[in-house]
Amino acid sequence: MVLLVVGWFPISIGIITVISILLLMVLLLVLRRVACHRYIELGEDSLLLPTGFLQLRTVQIPYNTLSHVWESQWALGTVLYLLVKQRKFEICCGICLKNEDYVTVRDFLIQRASDNRNETREIKGLNPE
């Protein structure tokens, strides 16, 4: 980009370079979408969630480690955040095929986190609300 300001390259080469980089990024995202099947799996005692760079890895999160679950609205969609042992995970609304599926997963995880907080209060001798 500095070379464009100085004028060493013609503007057309700079524009072609920027467009090429953007097309390469789009191709990479399309390949990820086609080749890597990203999904959330709700098991008996844990959740399997895609995570990491381009969400290529899968992490197993036991339900009893969920401490907080909250939702945030963004311009491109809704994101559900999970706090597990001081580590934050994200579930994008777009990972679910239907909005009803996302709502079901959200409500289930919120309930599990609430149950965990109530169990912690009972163990510490606090009165759950």
C-alpha atoms as a PDB file:
ATOM      1  CA  MET A   1       0.000   0.000   0.000  1.00  0.00           C
ATOM      2  CA  VAL A   2       2.918   2.351   0.673  1.00  0.00           C
ATOM      3  CA  LEU A   3       4.105   1.823  -2.879  1.00  0.00           C
ATOM      4  CA  LEU A   4       0.752   3.036  -4.192  1.00  0.00           C
ATOM      5  CA  VAL A   5       1.067   6.278  -2.241  1.00  0.00           C
ATOM      6  CA  VAL A   6       4.615   6.923  -3.449  1.00  0.00           C
ATOM      7  CA  GLY A   7       3.578   6.195  -7.023  1.00  0.00           C
ATOM      8  CA  TRP A   8       6.008   3.394  -7.870  1.00  0.00           C
ATOM      9  CA  PHE A   9       3.261   1.133  -9.119  1.00  0.00           C
ATOM     10  CA  PRO A  10       0.481   2.039 -11.468  1.00  0.00           C
ATOM     11  CA  ILE A  11      -2.887   2.176  -9.769  1.00  0.00           C
ATOM     12  CA  SER A  12      -4.228  -0.693 -11.908  1.00  0.00           C
ATOM     13  CA  ILE A  13      -1.646  -3.151 -10.512  1.00  0.00           C
ATOM     14  CA  GLY A  14      -2.613  -2.174  -6.970  1.00  0.00           C
ATOM     15  CA  ILE A  15      -6.305  -2.619  -7.686  1.00  0.00           C
ATOM     16  CA  ILE A  16      -5.689  -6.018  -9.304  1.00  0.00           C
ATOM     17  CA  THR A  17      -3.619  -7.086  -6.275  1.00  0.00           C
ATOM     18  CA  VAL A  18      -6.319  -6.075  -3.798  1.00  0.00           C
ATOM     19  CA  ILE A  19      -9.052  -7.812  -5.817  1.00  0.00           C
ATOM     20  CA  SER A  20      -6.898 -10.960  -6.087  1.00  0.00           C
ATOM     21  CA  ILE A  21      -6.376 -11.058  -2.312  1.00  0.00           C
ATOM     22  CA  LEU A  22     -10.104 -10.628  -1.691  1.00  0.00           C
ATOM     23  CA  LEU A  23     -10.972 -13.390  -4.174  1.00  0.00           C
ATOM     24  CA  LEU A  24      -8.436 -15.700  -2.525  1.00  0.00           C
ATOM     25  CA  MET A  25     -10.029 -15.060   0.879  1.00  0.00           C
ATOM     26  CA  VAL A  26     -13.513 -15.768  -0.512  1.00  0.00           C
ATOM     27  CA  LEU A  27     -12.257 -18.989  -2.120  1.00  0.00           C
ATOM     28  CA  LEU A  28     -10.724 -20.078   1.183  1.00  0.00           C
ATOM     29  CA  LEU A  29     -14.000 -19.471   3.031  1.00  0.00           C
ATOM     30  CA  VAL A  30     -16.011 -21.347   0.395  1.00  0.00           C
ATOM     31  CA  LEU A  31     -13.605 -24.299   0.586  1.00  0.00           C
ATOM     32  CA  ARG A  32     -13.930 -24.330   4.363  1.00  0.00           C
ATOM     33  CA  ARG A  33     -17.706 -24.332   4.096  1.00  0.00           C
ATOM     34  CA  VAL A  34     -17.746 -27.211   1.584  1.00  0.00           C
ATOM     35  CA  ALA A  35     -14.921 -29.380   2.948  1.00  0.00           C
ATOM     36  CA  CYS A  36     -15.347 -28.980   6.703  1.00  0.00           C
ATOM     37  CA  HIS A  37     -18.747 -29.841   8.062  1.00  0.00           C
ATOM     38  CA  ARG A  38     -19.185 -27.581  11.051  1.00  0.00           C
ATOM     39  CA  TYR A  39     -21.885 -28.606  13.463  1.00  0.00           C
ATOM     40  CA  ILE A  40     -22.778 -28.556  17.124  1.00  0.00           C
ATOM     41  CA  GLU A  41     -23.357 -31.913  18.764  1.00  0.00           C
ATOM     42  CA  LEU A  42     -25.279 -32.032  22.017  1.00  0.00           C
ATOM     43  CA  GLY A  43     -24.321 -35.236  23.831  1.00  0.00           C
ATOM     44  CA  GLU A  44     -25.499 -36.752  27.085  1.00  0.00           C
ATOM     45  CA  ASP A  45     -22.932 -34.953  29.244  1.00  0.00           C
ATOM     46  CA  SER A  46     -20.965 -32.685  26.891  1.00  0.00           C
ATOM     47  CA  LEU A  47     -21.135 -30.393  23.892  1.00  0.00           C
ATOM     48  CA  LEU A  48     -18.948 -30.766  20.769  1.00  0.00           C
ATOM     49  CA  LEU A  49     -18.237 -27.360  19.277  1.00  0.00           C
ATOM     50  CA  PRO A  50     -16.114 -26.272  16.279  1.00  0.00           C
ATOM     51  CA  THR A  51     -13.455 -23.759  17.305  1.00  0.00           C
ATOM     52  CA  GLY A  52     -10.105 -22.267  16.334  1.00  0.00           C
ATOM     53  CA  PHE A  53      -8.860 -20.750  13.090  1.00  0.00           C
ATOM     54  CA  LEU A  54     -11.625 -21.160  10.487  1.00  0.00           C
ATOM     55  CA  GLN A  55     -13.347 -23.391  13.081  1.00  0.00           C
ATOM     56  CA  LEU A  56     -11.472 -26.475  11.872  1.00  0.00           C
ATOM     57  CA  ARG A  57     -10.900 -28.000  15.333  1.00  0.00           C
ATOM     58  CA  THR A  58     -13.539 -29.473  17.608  1.00  0.00           C
ATOM     59  CA  VAL A  59     -13.567 -29.013  21.373  1.00  0.00           C
ATOM     60  CA  GLN A  60     -15.570 -31.044  23.882  1.00  0.00           C
ATOM     61  CA  ILE A  61     -17.186 -28.963  26.623  1.00  0.00           C
ATOM     62  CA  PRO A  62     -18.718 -30.848  29.576  1.00  0.00           C
ATOM     63  CA  TYR A  63     -22.026 -29.301  30.625  1.00  0.00           C
ATOM     64  CA  ASN A  64     -21.004 -29.217  34.284  1.00  0.00           C
ATOM     65  CA  THR A  65     -18.205 -26.740  33.437  1.00  0.00           C
ATOM     66  CA  LEU A  66     -20.544 -24.114  31.914  1.00  0.00           C
ATOM     67  CA  SER A  67     -20.606 -21.112  34.194  1.00  0.00           C
ATOM     68  CA  HIS A  68     -22.263 -18.383  32.082  1.00  0.00           C
ATOM     69  CA  VAL A  69     -24.115 -18.239  28.771  1.00  0.00           C
ATOM     70  CA  TRP A  70     -25.135 -14.968  27.145  1.00  0.00           C
ATOM     71  CA  GLU A  71     -26.260 -13.742  23.754  1.00  0.00           C
ATOM     72  CA  SER A  72     -25.186 -10.722  21.758  1.00  0.00           C
ATOM     73  CA  GLN A  73     -26.751  -9.164  18.665  1.00  0.00           C
ATOM     74  CA  TRP A  74     -24.400  -8.010  15.906  1.00  0.00           C
ATOM     75  CA  ALA A  75     -25.048  -6.560  12.465  1.00  0.00           C
ATOM     76  CA  LEU A  76     -24.275  -9.886  10.762  1.00  0.00           C
ATOM     77  CA  GLY A  77     -26.228 -12.067  13.179  1.00  0.00           C
ATOM     78  CA  THR A  78     -26.546 -13.344  16.696  1.00  0.00           C
ATOM     79  CA  VAL A  79     -23.681 -14.839  18.703  1.00  0.00           C
ATOM     80  CA  LEU A  80     -24.067 -17.050  21.774  1.00  0.00           C
ATOM     81  CA  TYR A  81     -21.129 -16.895  24.199  1.00  0.00           C
ATOM     82  CA  LEU A  82     -20.192 -19.694  26.590  1.00  0.00           C
ATOM     83  CA  LEU A  83     -17.882 -19.113  29.551  1.00  0.00           C
ATOM     84  CA  VAL A  84     -16.103 -22.282  30.655  1.00  0.00           C
ATOM     85  CA  LYS A  85     -13.317 -22.145  33.263  1.00  0.00           C
ATOM     86  CA  GLN A  86     -12.317 -18.587  32.303  1.00  0.00           C
ATOM     87  CA  ARG A  87     -12.322 -19.481  28.587  1.00  0.00           C
ATOM     88  CA  LYS A  88     -14.893 -18.015  26.214  1.00  0.00           C
ATOM     89  CA  PHE A  89     -16.412 -19.909  23.271  1.00  0.00           C
ATOM     90  CA  GLU A  90     -18.711 -18.526  20.579  1.00  0.00           C
ATOM     91  CA  ILE A  91     -21.612 -20.113  18.733  1.00  0.00           C
ATOM     92  CA  CYS A  92     -22.731 -18.138  15.686  1.00  0.00           C
ATOM     93  CA  CYS A  93     -26.388 -18.294  14.731  1.00  0.00           C
ATOM     94  CA  GLY A  94     -25.346 -19.162  11.160  1.00  0.00           C
ATOM     95  CA  ILE A  95     -23.909 -22.517  12.228  1.00  0.00           C
ATOM     96  CA  CYS A  96     -27.457 -23.803  12.789  1.00  0.00           C
ATOM     97  CA  LEU A  97     -29.526 -24.481   9.690  1.00  0.00           C
ATOM     98  CA  LYS A  98     -32.751 -23.175  11.173  1.00  0.00           C
ATOM     99  CA  ASN A  99     -33.420 -20.363  13.613  1.00  0.00           C
ATOM    100  CA  GLU A 100     -35.525 -22.772  15.704  1.00  0.00           C
ATOM    101  CA  ASP A 101     -32.469 -25.027  16.132  1.00  0.00           C
ATOM    102  CA  TYR A 102     -30.412 -22.095  17.391  1.00  0.00           C
ATOM    103  CA  VAL A 103     -33.145 -21.108  19.861  1.00  0.00           C
ATOM    104  CA  THR A 104     -33.354 -24.700  21.130  1.00  0.00           C
ATOM    105  CA  VAL A 105     -29.579 -24.934  21.628  1.00  0.00           C
ATOM    106  CA  ARG A 106     -29.495 -21.501  23.298  1.00  0.00           C
ATOM    107  CA  ASP A 107     -32.281 -22.315  25.743  1.00  0.00           C
ATOM    108  CA  PHE A 108     -30.773 -25.718  26.575  1.00  0.00           C
ATOM    109  CA  LEU A 109     -27.307 -24.255  27.300  1.00  0.00           C
ATOM    110  CA  ILE A 110     -28.725 -21.371  29.349  1.00  0.00           C
ATOM    111  CA  GLN A 111     -30.668 -23.890  31.453  1.00  0.00           C
ATOM    112  CA  ARG A 112     -27.577 -26.071  31.983  1.00  0.00           C
ATOM    113  CA  ALA A 113     -25.481 -23.058  33.046  1.00  0.00           C
ATOM    114  CA  SER A 114     -28.232 -21.953  35.429  1.00  0.00           C
ATOM    115  CA  ASP A 115     -28.383 -25.447  36.938  1.00  0.00           C
ATOM    116  CA  ASN A 116     -24.599 -25.386  37.437  1.00  0.00           C
ATOM    117  CA  ARG A 117     -24.760 -22.032  39.233  1.00  0.00           C
ATOM    118  CA  ASN A 118     -27.548 -23.314  41.518  1.00  0.00           C
ATOM    119  CA  GLU A 119     -25.530 -26.449  42.337  1.00  0.00           C
ATOM    120  CA  THR A 120     -22.522 -24.288  43.189  1.00  0.00           C
ATOM    121  CA  ARG A 121     -24.649 -22.162  45.535  1.00  0.00           C
ATOM    122  CA  GLU A 122     -25.992 -25.272  47.270  1.00  0.00           C
ATOM    123  CA  ILE A 123     -22.481 -26.659  47.758  1.00  0.00           C
ATOM    124  CA  LYS A 124     -21.286 -23.347  49.243  1.00  0.00           C
ATOM    125  CA  GLY A 125     -24.362 -23.193  51.477  1.00  0.00           C
ATOM    126  CA  LEU A 126     -25.871 -20.167  49.763  1.00  0.00           C
ATOM    127  CA  ASN A 127     -29.596 -19.934  49.135  1.00  0.00           C
ATOM    128  CA  PRO A 128     -30.379 -20.278  45.383  1.00  0.00           C
ATOM    129  CA  GLU A 129     -32.871 -17.775  43.998  1.00  0.00           C
END
